[in-house]
């Protein structure tokens, strides 16, 4: 997933998420996942807005990213 992104796309994810790439393993995942989804989805759907990504479900994001997205366990 991330390995296929260009440096400018990685920089955009940093800007959108507010976290540097070296913080991604330990940072909160919701905004990071949204940023990754947004950047990856814009390749196929340039008219996509940040607001549309905010309204996506985890399953929809997973379909775009192609990998499991962080999920919360509910007891």
C-alpha atoms as a PDB file:
ATOM      1  CA  UNK A   1       0.000   0.000   0.000  1.00  0.00           C
ATOM      2  CA  UNK A   2       2.338   2.760   1.224  1.00  0.00           C
ATOM      3  CA  UNK A   3       5.297   1.397  -0.763  1.00  0.00           C
ATOM      4  CA  UNK A   4       3.483   2.215  -4.016  1.00  0.00           C
ATOM      5  CA  UNK A   5       2.943   5.892  -3.172  1.00  0.00           C
ATOM      6  CA  UNK A   6       5.121   8.663  -4.555  1.00  0.00           C
ATOM      7  CA  UNK A   7       6.985  11.002  -2.232  1.00  0.00           C
ATOM      8  CA  UNK A   8       4.577  13.863  -2.980  1.00  0.00           C
ATOM      9  CA  UNK A   9       1.678  11.609  -1.961  1.00  0.00           C
ATOM     10  CA  UNK A  10       3.417  10.630   1.272  1.00  0.00           C
ATOM     11  CA  UNK A  11       4.024  14.312   1.998  1.00  0.00           C
ATOM     12  CA  UNK A  12       0.322  15.014   1.417  1.00  0.00           C
ATOM     13  CA  UNK A  13      -0.594  12.258   3.886  1.00  0.00           C
ATOM     14  CA  UNK A  14       1.735  13.861   6.448  1.00  0.00           C
ATOM     15  CA  UNK A  15       0.045  17.227   5.899  1.00  0.00           C
ATOM     16  CA  UNK A  16      -3.505  15.872   6.038  1.00  0.00           C
ATOM     17  CA  UNK A  17      -2.924  13.635   9.063  1.00  0.00           C
ATOM     18  CA  UNK A  18      -0.731  16.062  10.979  1.00  0.00           C
ATOM     19  CA  UNK A  19       1.847  13.325  11.636  1.00  0.00           C
ATOM     20  CA  UNK A  20       5.308  12.787  10.185  1.00  0.00           C
ATOM     21  CA  UNK A  21       5.889   9.428   8.531  1.00  0.00           C
ATOM     22  CA  UNK A  22       8.169   8.297  11.372  1.00  0.00           C
ATOM     23  CA  UNK A  23       5.216   8.755  13.790  1.00  0.00           C
ATOM     24  CA  UNK A  24       2.723   6.658  11.833  1.00  0.00           C
ATOM     25  CA  UNK A  25       3.247   3.421  13.783  1.00  0.00           C
ATOM     26  CA  UNK A  26       2.378   5.036  17.124  1.00  0.00           C
ATOM     27  CA  UNK A  27       0.034   7.919  16.225  1.00  0.00           C
ATOM     28  CA  UNK A  28      -3.768   7.804  16.477  1.00  0.00           C
ATOM     29  CA  UNK A  29      -5.018   5.960  13.397  1.00  0.00           C
ATOM     30  CA  UNK A  30      -8.344   7.538  12.423  1.00  0.00           C
ATOM     31  CA  UNK A  31      -7.051  10.714  10.776  1.00  0.00           C
ATOM     32  CA  UNK A  32      -4.056   8.834   9.332  1.00  0.00           C
ATOM     33  CA  UNK A  33      -6.345   6.214   7.767  1.00  0.00           C
ATOM     34  CA  UNK A  34      -8.558   8.946   6.353  1.00  0.00           C
ATOM     35  CA  UNK A  35      -5.530  10.719   4.847  1.00  0.00           C
ATOM     36  CA  UNK A  36      -4.196   7.511   3.263  1.00  0.00           C
ATOM     37  CA  UNK A  37      -7.647   6.694   1.872  1.00  0.00           C
ATOM     38  CA  UNK A  38      -8.058  10.209   0.481  1.00  0.00           C
ATOM     39  CA  UNK A  39      -4.688  10.229  -1.292  1.00  0.00           C
ATOM     40  CA  UNK A  40      -5.102   6.723  -2.709  1.00  0.00           C
ATOM     41  CA  UNK A  41      -8.715   7.235  -3.831  1.00  0.00           C
ATOM     42  CA  UNK A  42      -7.943  10.551  -5.572  1.00  0.00           C
ATOM     43  CA  UNK A  43      -5.913   8.611  -8.146  1.00  0.00           C
ATOM     44  CA  UNK A  44      -9.096   7.009  -9.516  1.00  0.00           C
ATOM     45  CA  UNK A  45     -11.589   9.665  -8.445  1.00  0.00           C
ATOM     46  CA  UNK A  46      -9.950  13.133  -8.643  1.00  0.00           C
ATOM     47  CA  UNK A  47     -13.200  14.864  -7.688  1.00  0.00           C
ATOM     48  CA  UNK A  48     -13.266  13.117  -4.272  1.00  0.00           C
ATOM     49  CA  UNK A  49     -13.498  15.503  -1.339  1.00  0.00           C
ATOM     50  CA  UNK A  50     -12.146  15.223   2.204  1.00  0.00           C
ATOM     51  CA  UNK A  51     -15.752  15.423   3.423  1.00  0.00           C
ATOM     52  CA  UNK A  52     -16.657  12.314   1.408  1.00  0.00           C
ATOM     53  CA  UNK A  53     -13.808  10.431   3.073  1.00  0.00           C
ATOM     54  CA  UNK A  54     -15.003  11.633   6.487  1.00  0.00           C
ATOM     55  CA  UNK A  55     -18.355   9.957   5.761  1.00  0.00           C
ATOM     56  CA  UNK A  56     -16.878   6.590   4.670  1.00  0.00           C
ATOM     57  CA  UNK A  57     -17.104   3.421   6.727  1.00  0.00           C
ATOM     58  CA  UNK A  58     -14.053   1.355   7.643  1.00  0.00           C
ATOM     59  CA  UNK A  59     -15.149  -1.266   5.099  1.00  0.00           C
ATOM     60  CA  UNK A  60     -15.297   1.369   2.343  1.00  0.00           C
ATOM     61  CA  UNK A  61     -11.818   2.599   3.284  1.00  0.00           C
ATOM     62  CA  UNK A  62     -10.482  -0.943   3.330  1.00  0.00           C
ATOM     63  CA  UNK A  63     -11.819  -1.442  -0.192  1.00  0.00           C
ATOM     64  CA  UNK A  64      -9.779   1.550  -1.362  1.00  0.00           C
ATOM     65  CA  UNK A  65      -6.617   0.895   0.631  1.00  0.00           C
ATOM     66  CA  UNK A  66      -6.671  -2.838  -0.056  1.00  0.00           C
ATOM     67  CA  UNK A  67      -5.514  -3.723   3.449  1.00  0.00           C
ATOM     68  CA  UNK A  68      -7.048  -4.057   6.880  1.00  0.00           C
ATOM     69  CA  UNK A  69      -7.611  -0.694   8.486  1.00  0.00           C
ATOM     70  CA  UNK A  70      -7.329  -0.219  12.253  1.00  0.00           C
ATOM     71  CA  UNK A  71     -10.510  -1.263  14.014  1.00  0.00           C
ATOM     72  CA  UNK A  72     -11.776  -0.769  17.523  1.00  0.00           C
ATOM     73  CA  UNK A  73     -12.990  -3.748  19.492  1.00  0.00           C
ATOM     74  CA  UNK A  74     -16.385  -3.175  21.024  1.00  0.00           C
ATOM     75  CA  UNK A  75     -17.303  -5.334  23.991  1.00  0.00           C
END
